Protein backbone atom coordinates (compact mmCIF):
# COMPACT_ATOMS: atom_id res chain seq x y z
CA MET A 1 0.08 0.15 0.27
CA PRO A 2 1.28 3.81 -0.49
CA SER A 3 3.32 5.14 2.10
CA PRO A 4 0.51 7.52 4.23
CA SER A 5 2.71 10.34 4.41
CA VAL A 6 2.31 10.68 0.72
CA ALA A 7 0.52 14.23 0.23
CA ALA A 8 -1.28 13.67 -2.56
CA THR A 9 -3.41 10.91 -1.45
CA ALA A 10 -6.99 10.07 -3.32
CA ALA A 11 -9.51 7.27 -1.91
CA ALA A 12 -12.84 6.77 -3.76
CA ALA A 13 -15.41 3.99 -3.58
CA ARG A 14 -18.38 3.01 -6.03
CA LEU A 15 -20.25 -0.06 -6.33
CA ILE A 16 -19.93 -2.32 -9.02
CA THR A 17 -21.62 -4.78 -10.55
CA PRO A 18 -22.63 -7.75 -9.13
CA GLN A 19 -20.53 -10.44 -10.72
CA ARG A 20 -22.02 -13.55 -12.14
CA ILE A 21 -19.91 -17.05 -12.83
CA THR A 22 -20.75 -19.32 -15.43
CA ASP A 23 -18.67 -22.95 -15.42
CA ASP A 24 -20.28 -25.82 -16.87
CA LEU A 25 -18.77 -28.01 -14.62
CA ASP A 26 -21.14 -30.71 -15.38
CA ARG A 27 -18.86 -30.86 -19.06
CA LEU A 28 -15.88 -31.43 -17.15
CA LEU A 29 -17.45 -34.28 -14.97
CA GLU A 30 -18.86 -36.11 -17.83
CA VAL A 31 -15.20 -37.39 -19.31
CA LEU A 32 -13.90 -37.43 -15.50
CA PRO A 33 -13.77 -41.25 -14.31
CA GLU A 34 -17.04 -42.05 -12.23
CA ARG A 35 -15.82 -42.26 -9.04
CA VAL A 36 -14.07 -38.67 -9.32
CA ALA A 37 -17.03 -37.03 -10.71
CA GLU A 38 -19.07 -38.66 -7.49
CA ALA A 39 -16.70 -37.14 -4.82
CA LEU A 40 -17.33 -33.71 -6.69
CA ALA A 41 -21.14 -34.05 -7.16
CA SER A 42 -21.86 -32.19 -3.79
CA PRO A 43 -22.05 -28.05 -4.33
CA LEU A 44 -19.21 -27.87 -1.66
CA SER A 45 -16.95 -30.04 -3.63
CA ARG A 46 -17.33 -27.84 -6.17
CA ASP A 47 -17.21 -24.24 -4.92
CA GLN A 48 -14.12 -22.25 -5.53
CA LEU A 49 -12.49 -25.51 -7.66
CA LEU A 50 -9.75 -24.94 -9.54
CA GLU A 51 -8.23 -28.04 -11.04
CA VAL A 52 -8.30 -32.25 -10.44
CA VAL A 53 -4.95 -33.69 -11.23
CA LEU A 54 -5.35 -37.46 -12.30
CA ASP A 55 -1.69 -39.24 -12.10
CA LEU A 56 -0.85 -42.60 -12.99
CA GLY A 57 -0.56 -45.33 -9.60
CA ARG A 58 -1.76 -41.85 -7.20
CA ALA A 59 -4.76 -41.04 -5.97
CA PRO A 60 -6.94 -38.54 -7.44
CA GLU A 61 -6.74 -34.95 -5.93
CA ALA A 62 -9.00 -31.97 -6.06
CA ARG A 63 -7.33 -28.70 -5.46
CA TYR A 64 -8.70 -25.40 -4.10
CA PRO A 65 -7.25 -21.84 -3.30
CA GLY A 66 -4.54 -22.76 -0.53
CA ARG A 67 -5.56 -26.11 -0.26
CA ALA A 68 -5.93 -29.67 -2.11
CA GLN A 69 -8.03 -32.57 -1.08
CA LEU A 70 -7.98 -36.35 -2.23
CA LEU A 71 -10.96 -37.78 -3.76
CA ASP A 72 -10.37 -41.16 -3.59
CA GLN A 73 -7.95 -43.27 -2.02
CA ARG A 74 -7.69 -46.00 -4.66
CA PRO A 75 -4.89 -44.99 -7.53
CA ILE A 76 -5.58 -43.56 -11.04
CA GLU A 77 -5.04 -46.97 -13.38
CA ARG A 78 -4.08 -46.53 -17.39
CA ALA A 79 -7.43 -47.55 -18.18
CA ASP A 80 -8.68 -44.46 -16.02
CA LEU A 81 -6.66 -42.28 -18.23
CA ALA A 82 -7.45 -43.85 -21.37
CA ALA A 83 -11.10 -43.88 -21.00
CA VAL A 84 -10.72 -39.71 -20.24
CA VAL A 85 -8.23 -38.75 -23.31
CA GLN A 86 -10.84 -40.83 -25.45
CA ARG A 87 -13.95 -38.68 -24.50
CA LEU A 88 -11.59 -35.06 -25.20
CA GLY A 89 -10.66 -33.66 -28.36
CA SER A 90 -7.28 -34.24 -29.67
CA PHE A 91 -4.62 -32.69 -27.98
CA GLY A 92 -2.43 -29.91 -29.72
CA GLY A 93 1.77 -29.75 -29.80
CA ASP A 94 1.30 -27.72 -26.47
CA ASN A 95 0.17 -31.01 -24.89
CA ARG A 96 -3.74 -29.21 -24.27
CA ALA A 97 -7.13 -30.35 -25.19
CA GLY A 98 -10.86 -29.04 -24.63
CA ILE A 99 -14.65 -29.56 -24.29
CA GLU A 100 -16.27 -28.16 -27.39
CA ARG A 101 -18.24 -25.19 -26.49
CA THR A 102 -16.64 -24.97 -22.48
CA LEU A 103 -13.68 -23.02 -21.20
CA HIS A 104 -12.26 -26.23 -19.12
CA ARG A 105 -8.28 -27.16 -20.54
CA ILE A 106 -7.15 -30.30 -20.05
CA SER A 107 -3.20 -30.80 -20.29
CA ALA A 108 -1.38 -34.00 -20.35
CA ILE A 109 1.68 -35.30 -18.74
CA ARG A 110 3.46 -37.76 -20.77
CA ASN A 111 6.39 -40.54 -20.86
CA ARG A 112 9.26 -40.74 -23.19
CA GLY A 113 7.12 -43.04 -25.37
CA GLY A 114 4.36 -40.24 -25.62
CA GLU A 115 2.03 -42.32 -23.43
CA VAL A 116 -0.26 -40.12 -20.94
CA VAL A 117 0.77 -40.93 -17.33
CA GLY A 118 -1.72 -37.83 -15.87
CA LEU A 119 -3.82 -34.91 -16.81
CA THR A 120 -4.62 -31.54 -15.24
CA CYS A 121 -8.03 -31.01 -15.85
CA ARG A 122 -8.30 -27.34 -15.21
CA VAL A 123 -11.50 -25.45 -14.42
CA GLY A 124 -12.49 -22.56 -17.17
CA ARG A 125 -14.93 -20.36 -15.66
CA ALA A 126 -16.66 -17.18 -17.30
CA VAL A 127 -16.69 -13.98 -14.87
CA PHE A 128 -19.04 -11.28 -15.35
CA GLY A 129 -18.25 -8.20 -13.80
CA THR A 130 -14.67 -8.25 -13.41
CA VAL A 131 -13.34 -5.71 -15.79
CA ALA A 132 -15.15 -3.13 -13.51
CA MET A 133 -11.70 -3.10 -12.30
CA VAL A 134 -10.07 -1.77 -15.19
CA ARG A 135 -13.52 -0.14 -17.19
CA ASP A 136 -11.52 3.45 -17.14
CA LEU A 137 -8.62 2.17 -18.98
CA LEU A 138 -10.40 0.25 -21.30
CA ASP A 139 -12.21 3.77 -22.46
CA SER A 140 -8.99 5.33 -22.48
CA GLY A 141 -7.65 2.99 -25.68
CA GLN A 142 -4.57 2.81 -24.36
CA SER A 143 -2.72 -0.77 -24.80
CA LEU A 144 -3.02 -2.27 -21.20
CA LEU A 145 -0.77 -5.15 -20.23
CA LEU A 146 -1.97 -7.76 -17.02
CA MET A 147 0.67 -9.43 -15.12
CA GLY A 148 0.23 -12.02 -12.26
CA ARG A 149 1.14 -15.31 -10.67
CA PRO A 150 -0.65 -18.43 -12.44
CA GLY A 151 -4.18 -18.94 -10.80
CA VAL A 152 -5.07 -15.27 -10.24
CA GLY A 153 -7.50 -14.86 -12.65
CA LYS A 154 -5.82 -12.62 -15.88
CA THR A 155 -7.10 -15.09 -18.33
CA THR A 156 -10.41 -14.33 -16.88
CA ALA A 157 -10.34 -10.98 -16.82
CA LEU A 158 -8.97 -10.79 -20.41
CA ARG A 159 -11.91 -13.01 -21.53
CA GLU A 160 -14.94 -10.54 -19.90
CA ILE A 161 -12.26 -7.15 -21.41
CA ALA A 162 -12.76 -8.67 -25.29
CA ARG A 163 -16.87 -9.25 -24.71
CA VAL A 164 -16.94 -5.49 -23.10
CA LEU A 165 -14.63 -3.87 -25.87
CA ALA A 166 -16.58 -5.88 -28.48
CA ASP A 167 -20.43 -5.86 -26.78
CA ASP A 168 -20.16 -2.68 -25.24
CA LEU A 169 -17.61 -0.07 -26.75
CA GLU A 170 -18.25 -1.97 -30.21
CA ARG A 171 -15.01 -1.99 -31.09
CA ARG A 172 -13.75 -4.49 -33.65
CA VAL A 173 -12.13 -7.16 -31.24
CA VAL A 174 -9.72 -10.08 -32.68
CA VAL A 175 -8.88 -12.56 -29.90
CA ILE A 176 -5.75 -14.52 -30.48
CA ASP A 177 -6.43 -18.28 -28.53
CA THR A 178 -3.09 -19.79 -28.94
CA SER A 179 -4.13 -22.73 -26.76
CA ASN A 180 -8.29 -22.48 -26.89
CA GLU A 181 -8.06 -20.95 -23.25
CA ILE A 182 -9.85 -17.96 -23.71
CA ALA A 183 -12.52 -18.79 -26.03
CA GLY A 184 -12.93 -22.68 -25.44
CA ASP A 185 -12.62 -25.75 -27.15
CA GLY A 186 -14.17 -26.39 -31.20
CA ASP A 187 -14.99 -24.10 -33.61
CA ILE A 188 -17.54 -22.08 -32.10
CA PRO A 189 -16.24 -19.69 -29.87
CA HIS A 190 -17.36 -19.50 -26.68
CA PRO A 191 -20.32 -16.68 -25.67
CA ALA A 192 -18.23 -15.10 -22.89
CA ILE A 193 -16.01 -13.48 -25.58
CA GLY A 194 -19.23 -11.63 -26.77
CA ARG A 195 -18.80 -10.15 -30.57
CA ALA A 196 -15.11 -10.69 -30.83
CA ARG A 197 -13.99 -13.09 -33.43
CA ARG A 198 -11.25 -15.82 -32.86
CA MET A 199 -8.12 -16.38 -34.60
CA GLN A 200 -6.75 -20.22 -33.54
CA VAL A 201 -3.24 -20.90 -33.73
CA ALA A 202 -1.69 -24.65 -34.41
CA ARG A 203 1.18 -24.35 -33.11
CA PRO A 204 2.12 -22.06 -30.40
CA GLU A 205 5.45 -21.19 -31.97
CA GLN A 206 3.33 -19.72 -34.53
CA GLN A 207 1.13 -17.05 -32.12
CA HIS A 208 3.47 -13.93 -33.51
CA GLN A 209 2.59 -14.83 -36.86
CA VAL A 210 -0.60 -15.14 -36.40
CA MET A 211 -0.64 -11.88 -34.59
CA ILE A 212 0.74 -9.71 -37.85
CA GLU A 213 -1.61 -11.81 -39.90
CA ALA A 214 -4.86 -10.75 -37.90
CA VAL A 215 -3.50 -6.91 -38.16
CA GLU A 216 -2.78 -7.43 -42.34
CA ASN A 217 -6.47 -9.22 -42.97
CA HIS A 218 -9.02 -8.36 -40.87
CA MET A 219 -8.74 -4.67 -39.57
CA PRO A 220 -9.36 -5.06 -36.12
CA GLU A 221 -9.12 -1.63 -33.88
CA VAL A 222 -8.42 -4.17 -30.70
CA ILE A 223 -6.03 -7.36 -30.12
CA VAL A 224 -6.27 -9.61 -27.19
CA ILE A 225 -3.75 -12.23 -27.10
CA ASP A 226 -2.52 -14.47 -23.91
CA GLU A 227 0.88 -15.01 -22.20
CA ILE A 228 3.24 -13.13 -24.61
CA GLY A 229 6.30 -15.18 -23.55
CA THR A 230 8.90 -14.88 -26.68
CA GLU A 231 10.68 -12.62 -27.85
CA LEU A 232 8.99 -12.86 -31.43
CA GLU A 233 6.05 -12.50 -29.71
CA ALA A 234 7.15 -9.01 -28.21
CA GLN A 235 8.33 -7.87 -31.50
CA ALA A 236 5.13 -8.60 -33.23
CA ALA A 237 3.16 -6.63 -29.97
CA ARG A 238 5.35 -3.47 -30.93
CA THR A 239 4.56 -3.68 -34.44
CA ILE A 240 0.93 -3.91 -33.71
CA ALA A 241 1.17 -0.95 -31.05
CA GLU A 242 3.04 0.90 -33.77
CA ARG A 243 0.50 0.62 -36.56
CA GLY A 244 -2.27 2.18 -34.14
CA VAL A 245 -4.10 -1.05 -33.10
CA MET A 246 -4.92 -1.24 -29.53
CA LEU A 247 -3.56 -4.16 -27.43
CA VAL A 248 -4.67 -5.92 -24.08
CA ALA A 249 -2.32 -8.52 -23.14
CA THR A 250 -0.71 -10.83 -20.68
CA ALA A 251 2.48 -11.19 -19.90
CA HIS A 252 4.68 -13.91 -17.59
CA GLY A 253 5.54 -11.87 -14.56
CA ASN A 254 4.19 -11.47 -11.31
CA GLU A 255 5.22 -7.56 -11.39
CA LEU A 256 6.58 -4.89 -13.73
CA ALA A 257 10.02 -5.41 -12.36
CA ASN A 258 10.17 -8.66 -13.23
CA LEU A 259 10.01 -7.88 -17.53
CA ILE A 260 12.26 -4.91 -16.23
CA LYS A 261 14.80 -7.94 -15.47
CA ASN A 262 13.56 -10.25 -18.57
CA PRO A 263 15.80 -9.54 -21.40
CA THR A 264 13.20 -11.24 -23.92
CA LEU A 265 9.81 -9.58 -22.57
CA ALA A 266 11.81 -5.66 -21.87
CA ASP A 267 10.42 -4.44 -25.11
CA LEU A 268 7.25 -4.59 -23.69
CA ILE A 269 7.95 -1.54 -21.60
CA GLY A 270 10.25 0.21 -23.75
CA GLY A 271 13.88 -1.87 -23.12
CA ILE A 272 16.69 -1.42 -21.21
CA GLN A 273 20.44 -0.27 -22.03
CA SER A 274 23.41 0.51 -20.60
CA VAL A 275 24.38 4.07 -20.90
CA THR A 276 27.40 5.99 -19.66
CA LEU A 277 27.21 9.70 -18.60
CA GLY A 278 29.25 12.28 -18.52
CA ASP A 279 31.24 13.08 -15.50
CA GLU A 280 29.28 16.20 -15.11
CA GLU A 281 26.01 14.25 -15.85
CA ALA A 282 26.72 11.15 -13.32
CA ARG A 283 27.04 14.31 -10.42
CA ARG A 284 24.07 15.69 -11.49
CA ARG A 285 22.01 12.64 -11.21
CA GLY A 286 24.45 11.34 -8.18
CA SER A 287 24.75 8.47 -9.26
CA GLN A 288 27.47 5.62 -11.13
CA LYS A 289 28.78 6.59 -14.67
CA THR A 290 27.32 3.55 -16.22
CA VAL A 291 23.60 3.28 -15.36
CA LEU A 292 20.61 1.40 -16.83
CA GLU A 293 17.93 3.18 -18.91
CA ARG A 294 14.56 2.93 -20.97
CA CYS A 295 15.51 2.62 -24.75
CA ALA A 296 12.63 3.17 -26.50
CA ASP A 297 8.28 4.23 -25.23
CA PRO A 298 6.50 1.11 -23.95
CA THR A 299 4.73 -0.90 -26.02
CA PHE A 300 1.82 -0.91 -23.69
CA PRO A 301 1.46 2.47 -22.04
CA LEU A 302 -1.05 0.77 -19.09
CA ALA A 303 -0.22 -2.40 -16.87
CA VAL A 304 -1.88 -3.80 -14.11
CA GLU A 305 -0.88 -5.72 -11.58
CA MET A 306 -3.04 -8.51 -10.27
CA HIS A 307 -1.87 -9.81 -7.05
CA SER A 308 -5.21 -11.06 -6.20
CA ARG A 309 -8.51 -11.89 -7.28
CA SER A 310 -9.85 -8.73 -5.91
CA ARG A 311 -6.80 -6.51 -5.66
CA TRP A 312 -5.31 -4.67 -8.32
CA LEU A 313 -2.09 -2.56 -8.54
CA VAL A 314 -2.74 -0.18 -11.94
CA HIS A 315 0.22 2.22 -13.20
CA ARG A 316 -0.91 4.78 -15.54
CA ASP A 317 2.35 5.77 -17.00
CA VAL A 318 4.47 2.45 -17.55
CA ALA A 319 7.46 4.96 -19.16
CA ARG A 320 7.37 6.64 -15.98
CA THR A 321 6.96 3.87 -13.70
CA VAL A 322 10.41 2.01 -15.71
CA ASP A 323 12.17 5.34 -15.36
CA GLN A 324 11.40 5.59 -11.48
CA GLN A 325 12.80 2.38 -11.04
CA LEU A 326 15.70 2.26 -13.05
CA ARG A 327 17.29 5.45 -10.86
CA GLY A 328 16.27 3.59 -7.47
CA GLN A 329 13.22 6.25 -6.82
CA PRO A 330 10.15 4.69 -5.02
CA VAL A 331 7.51 3.73 -7.17
CA ARG A 332 3.74 3.91 -5.82
CA PRO A 333 0.88 2.61 -8.22
CA GLN A 334 -2.58 3.54 -8.01
CA VAL A 335 -4.07 0.57 -5.60
CA ARG A 336 -7.94 -0.91 -6.49
CA GLU A 337 -9.56 -3.50 -4.48
CA LEU A 338 -13.01 -4.85 -4.49
CA GLY A 339 -14.51 -5.77 -1.01
CA SER A 340 -16.80 -7.92 0.01
CA ASP A 341 -19.55 -5.53 0.11
CA GLY A 342 -19.11 -5.05 -3.68
CA LEU A 343 -17.88 -1.14 -3.06
CA LEU A 344 -14.67 -0.75 -5.71
CA ARG A 345 -11.74 1.15 -3.90
CA LEU A 346 -9.16 3.29 -5.18
CA ASP A 347 -5.79 4.37 -3.39
CA ASP A 348 -4.15 7.13 -5.53
CA PRO A 349 -1.12 8.16 -4.16
CA GLU A 350 -1.09 10.75 -7.37
CA PRO A 351 -4.20 11.25 -8.88
CA GLY A 352 -4.06 12.45 -12.15
CA LEU A 353 -0.55 12.18 -12.56
CA ARG A 354 0.12 16.29 -12.48
CA SER A 355 3.17 17.70 -13.38
CA PRO A 356 5.16 19.60 -10.63
CA PRO A 357 4.54 23.16 -10.48
CA ARG A 358 7.11 25.27 -11.83
CA MET A 359 8.93 27.38 -9.36
CA PRO A 360 9.61 31.41 -9.90
CA ARG A 361 12.50 32.37 -11.15
CA ARG A 362 15.05 32.74 -8.50
CA GLY A 363 16.95 35.56 -6.31
CA PRO A 364 20.54 36.60 -6.38
CA LEU A 365 21.82 35.14 -2.81
CA LEU A 366 23.91 38.64 -2.90
CA ALA A 367 24.52 42.34 -3.82
CA GLY A 368 24.48 42.36 -7.34
CA ASP A 369 21.79 40.65 -9.83
CA ARG A 370 22.89 38.10 -12.24
CA SER A 371 20.63 36.91 -15.02
CA ALA A 372 20.64 32.80 -15.32
CA SER A 373 18.93 30.50 -17.03
CA ALA A 374 16.52 27.76 -15.33
CA PRO A 375 17.77 24.85 -16.07
CA SER A 376 16.18 20.65 -14.96
CA SER A 377 16.89 19.95 -11.34
CA ALA A 378 17.31 16.52 -10.17
CA LEU A 379 16.38 17.73 -6.68
CA ALA A 380 12.08 19.34 -6.84
CA PRO A 381 11.81 22.53 -4.40
CA VAL A 382 9.44 21.58 -1.37
CA PRO A 383 6.18 23.20 -1.23
CA LEU A 384 6.03 25.21 2.10
CA PRO A 385 3.42 24.74 4.28
CA ASP A 386 -0.14 26.65 4.48
CA PRO A 387 0.37 28.90 7.78
CA GLU A 388 -3.28 28.19 7.91
CA LEU A 389 -3.00 24.61 8.49
CA LEU A 390 -0.08 24.88 10.81
CA PRO A 391 -0.32 24.60 15.03
CA PRO A 392 -0.33 28.13 16.44
CA HIS A 393 3.11 27.99 17.75
CA ARG A 394 4.63 27.43 14.41
CA ARG A 395 3.05 29.76 12.34
CA SER A 396 5.58 32.63 12.67
CA ALA A 397 8.69 30.37 12.36
CA SER A 398 7.47 29.45 8.73
CA PRO A 399 9.46 31.04 5.87
CA SER A 400 7.32 33.19 3.54
CA PRO A 401 6.05 30.91 0.46
CA ALA A 402 6.71 33.91 -1.39
CA ALA A 403 10.32 33.80 -0.88
CA PRO A 404 11.98 32.06 -4.14
CA PRO A 405 14.22 28.87 -3.50
CA LEU A 406 18.09 28.98 -2.75
CA ARG A 407 19.83 27.76 -5.90
CA LEU A 408 22.54 25.19 -4.79
CA TYR A 409 25.35 23.36 -6.64
CA CYS A 410 26.70 20.52 -4.83
CA CYS A 411 30.62 19.75 -5.11
CA GLY A 412 30.85 16.04 -3.80
CA VAL A 413 27.73 15.87 -1.79
CA SER A 414 25.45 13.28 -1.87
CA PRO A 415 21.82 14.29 -3.24
CA GLN A 416 19.91 11.74 -1.24
CA LEU A 417 21.41 13.10 1.64
CA LEU A 418 20.49 16.63 0.25
CA GLU A 419 17.25 15.50 -0.26
CA GLN A 420 16.53 14.60 3.22
CA VAL A 421 17.42 17.57 4.73
CA VAL A 422 15.22 19.59 2.26
CA ARG A 423 12.33 17.50 3.11
CA SER A 424 12.65 17.12 6.85
CA ARG A 425 13.19 20.17 7.78
CA GLN A 426 10.81 22.40 4.60
CA LEU A 427 14.00 23.98 3.54
CA PRO A 428 13.26 26.57 0.05
CA VAL A 429 16.35 25.10 -1.25
CA GLN A 430 16.33 23.53 -4.83
CA ARG A 431 19.66 21.59 -6.62
CA ALA A 432 21.41 23.26 -9.44
CA SER A 433 22.61 21.58 -12.38
CA GLN A 434 25.61 24.39 -13.26
CA VAL A 435 27.53 26.44 -11.03
CA GLU A 436 26.39 29.38 -13.31
CA ASP A 437 23.09 28.51 -12.45
CA ALA A 438 23.78 28.44 -8.50
CA ASP A 439 23.32 31.26 -5.69
CA ALA A 440 25.72 29.31 -3.68
CA VAL A 441 28.19 26.49 -3.83
CA LEU A 442 28.03 23.51 -1.15
CA SER A 443 31.35 21.26 -1.25
CA LEU A 444 33.33 18.45 0.36
CA ARG A 445 36.95 20.16 0.71
CA GLN A 446 38.62 17.56 -0.53
CA GLN A 447 36.35 17.23 -3.84
CA LEU A 448 37.22 20.80 -3.99
CA GLY A 449 40.78 20.27 -4.57
CA ARG A 450 39.80 17.36 -7.24
CA GLU A 451 37.84 19.95 -9.63
CA PRO A 452 39.59 23.04 -9.51
CA GLN A 453 37.06 24.50 -12.40
CA VAL A 454 34.56 24.74 -9.89
CA ARG A 455 36.34 26.79 -7.55
CA SER A 456 37.34 29.05 -10.62
CA GLN A 457 33.50 29.17 -11.95
CA ALA A 458 32.32 30.04 -8.47
CA LEU A 459 34.91 33.12 -8.21
CA GLU A 460 34.39 34.46 -11.80
CA ARG A 461 30.48 34.77 -10.68
CA HIS A 462 31.20 35.82 -7.26
CA VAL A 463 29.16 32.71 -6.34
CA PRO A 464 29.91 32.12 -2.89
CA ILE A 465 31.26 28.86 -1.44
CA LEU A 466 30.80 26.53 1.68
CA VAL A 467 33.03 24.21 2.32
CA ILE A 468 32.14 21.35 4.81
CA LYS A 469 33.85 18.23 6.61
CA ALA A 470 31.99 15.48 5.38
CA ASP A 471 29.11 14.19 3.17
CA THR A 472 27.13 13.47 6.41
CA LEU A 473 23.07 14.55 7.20
CA PRO A 474 24.58 16.95 9.85
CA GLN A 475 27.19 18.94 8.26
CA ILE A 476 24.76 19.01 5.09
CA GLN A 477 21.96 20.36 7.27
CA ARG A 478 24.36 22.73 8.97
CA GLY A 479 25.60 23.95 5.43
CA VAL A 480 22.69 25.00 4.56
CA GLU A 481 21.35 26.54 7.34
CA ARG A 482 24.53 29.26 7.21
CA LEU A 483 23.66 29.69 3.66
CA LEU A 484 20.01 30.42 4.21
CA ARG A 485 20.60 33.09 7.01
CA ARG A 486 23.27 34.66 5.00
CA ARG A 487 21.13 34.97 2.59
CA GLY A 488 17.46 36.34 4.59
CA GLY A 489 19.19 37.38 8.06
CA GLU A 490 17.55 36.35 11.38
CA GLY A 491 13.83 35.79 9.83
CA THR A 492 15.56 32.51 8.02
CA ALA A 493 17.28 31.63 11.04
CA ALA A 494 14.52 31.11 13.08
CA ALA A 495 12.75 28.97 10.80
CA THR A 496 15.68 26.78 10.16
CA ASP A 497 17.35 26.68 13.49
CA PRO A 498 17.19 22.92 14.63
CA VAL A 499 17.55 24.16 18.01
CA SER A 500 14.19 27.09 18.14
CA ALA A 501 12.39 25.13 15.84
CA PRO A 502 10.03 22.30 17.62
CA ASP A 503 10.73 18.46 16.47
CA ASP A 504 7.89 17.13 13.60
CA ALA A 505 7.59 13.44 14.35
CA HIS A 506 6.05 13.34 10.79
CA GLY A 507 8.77 14.51 9.22
CA ALA A 508 11.54 12.60 11.14
CA MET A 509 9.57 9.26 9.93
CA GLU A 510 9.24 10.65 6.56
CA GLU A 511 13.50 11.33 6.51
CA CYS A 512 14.20 8.49 8.35
CA ARG A 513 12.20 6.26 5.28
CA LEU A 514 14.12 7.76 2.78
CA ALA A 515 17.49 7.50 4.29
CA VAL A 516 16.75 3.28 4.89
CA GLU A 517 15.09 3.07 1.82
CA GLN A 518 17.12 5.46 -1.06
CA VAL A 519 20.58 5.08 1.17
CA VAL A 520 20.99 1.89 3.64
CA LEU A 521 19.56 -0.60 1.87
CA LEU A 522 19.77 0.65 -1.93
CA GLN A 523 23.64 1.79 -1.74
CA GLY A 524 24.80 -0.66 1.38
CA ARG A 525 25.94 1.96 3.69
CA PRO A 526 25.42 3.93 6.80
CA VAL A 527 23.84 7.24 7.49
CA GLU A 528 22.78 9.71 10.14
CA LEU A 529 19.73 11.14 10.03
CA LEU A 530 19.24 14.56 11.58
CA PRO A 531 19.21 15.82 15.50
CA ARG A 532 15.77 14.78 16.83
CA SER A 533 14.59 15.04 20.46
CA PRO A 534 14.80 11.97 22.60
CA SER A 535 11.22 11.18 21.90
CA VAL A 536 11.31 11.67 18.30
CA ARG A 537 14.63 9.47 18.16
CA GLY A 538 13.01 6.54 19.78
CA ILE A 539 10.29 6.54 17.09
CA GLN A 540 12.87 6.33 14.56
CA ALA A 541 14.77 3.64 16.33
CA ASP A 542 11.26 1.22 16.18
CA GLN A 543 10.76 2.14 12.27
CA VAL A 544 14.46 1.09 11.96
CA ASN A 545 14.04 -2.00 13.74
CA GLY A 546 11.01 -2.74 11.68
CA TYR A 547 13.16 -3.06 8.81
CA GLY A 548 15.44 -5.48 10.00
CA LEU A 549 18.53 -2.73 10.54
CA ARG A 550 19.79 -1.50 13.84
CA SER A 551 21.11 1.92 14.73
CA ALA A 552 22.64 3.66 17.61
CA GLU A 553 22.73 7.45 18.84
CA PHE A 554 25.96 9.73 18.32
CA GLY A 555 26.29 13.28 19.68
CA SER A 556 25.52 15.31 22.23
CA GLY A 557 22.62 17.81 23.72
CA ASP A 558 21.00 19.25 20.83
CA LEU A 559 22.81 17.30 18.38
CA ARG A 560 22.43 14.14 19.52
CA ARG A 561 21.09 11.91 16.00
CA LEU A 562 20.71 8.13 14.92
CA ARG A 563 23.16 6.31 12.92
CA VAL A 564 21.36 3.43 10.56
CA PHE A 565 23.96 0.75 9.49
CA PRO A 566 23.28 -1.50 6.31
CA PRO A 567 22.44 -4.90 7.27
């Protein structure tokens, strides 16, 4: 679930249409051995049945969500398997067969001689009403990718999406049905896909060819595909998307991060490449010189992680999500949950995906204005709190919202640590990418000697330089507050003085979370938090213990602080 500290959180709930389930379970029981069908005759045995397993020499078994149940003590014999195979249609190249006009799937296990020694009889259900979880995404007309573990309901949702697109939205929909799992076995597709047309695939390795054939021969507006799993299929999907056809598909992987690590399917989310950055860009990002970046726009702009049948995570901007994950930034997708009361609840940390507001043009730090452009900054300015929302004892200490941010160029100073200082103390500071665009330079002593051009550029443009001893949170905090006092006088000093400012437990917890997730766990190095009161340090220590990490207190008096160690 998204962090409760996220400023922009939207929660909504609406009543959705009750789900209606059609499973044709009697048709499946007719092909099973008689003793197995009798064991599944009661309604309680049928409810939530996922599959029936028949293995030679073993007792028949019924599988339900989270449990399995033996149906008979007598083991399955060869005659039992032969009778089931005889009642079924022919098995395809993927060792799958079906029952005509149903959604059930029977998969075979064969020995070296090609004889069937095991059967997995999976129950296929048409569930009407699940599409309400993503109905708004279908209206957008953008390609949609569904991900999740096996059995979570990807194919069931895909089937319902095809019906809604064809019947309710009146789109020309073609279903690429490789294993006849979406529209059932036989030449006539199951009514669960509505007016959507179905193209069968003779052999699984030909799925990518049938995908292209559907676009070239049948003029679809939407193509529905189950289980994109090869590089050729991923390339075919990009070809189809570039022709302006909407895609709805499932892919192997539990979440979006799995596709980033999968070189075969990475093209679905834009492809991943290794890029070597220049020295200046690497310093600006605070990263290594060799980084991973996205190659192109994703084939699927929308993605859904199906964690369960009632809880889906929606990524409404896949390109943005992939970029954040590659840079080690936290990702907060929209959470959609269907409650037992029939209400669909939305937890949206970033409603509307609004772009960050543009900050006003900065003012000069010292006498003598210097004209400068407004380059992009890797550290977004922190919005100042509304005085009316603050308690009375804090309103007088809040800096003026109209004050321009201090443009700070960092030389050897960790951008992550600077960001923690800015967020936790709510300082009007913005990081500059060039010395000529900065109001001041904050540098480590040894780093300034390694980069003499920084000193020369600062002297040439009369930009003050403040040198700190170490790249730690207390050192960075004191340096930034000193620069702010120099620019703003006593008013700013009152707002940024750690002794006079009241301790903010909420800000301290957010600072601790950022330090642990972005520095300790991601970079594997210890980090010191800002000085806090004893009670707040205790809260931070408990928060660190929740991550399975250890911490210790350092310093004395008002500068006593917590240090967090990597695992």
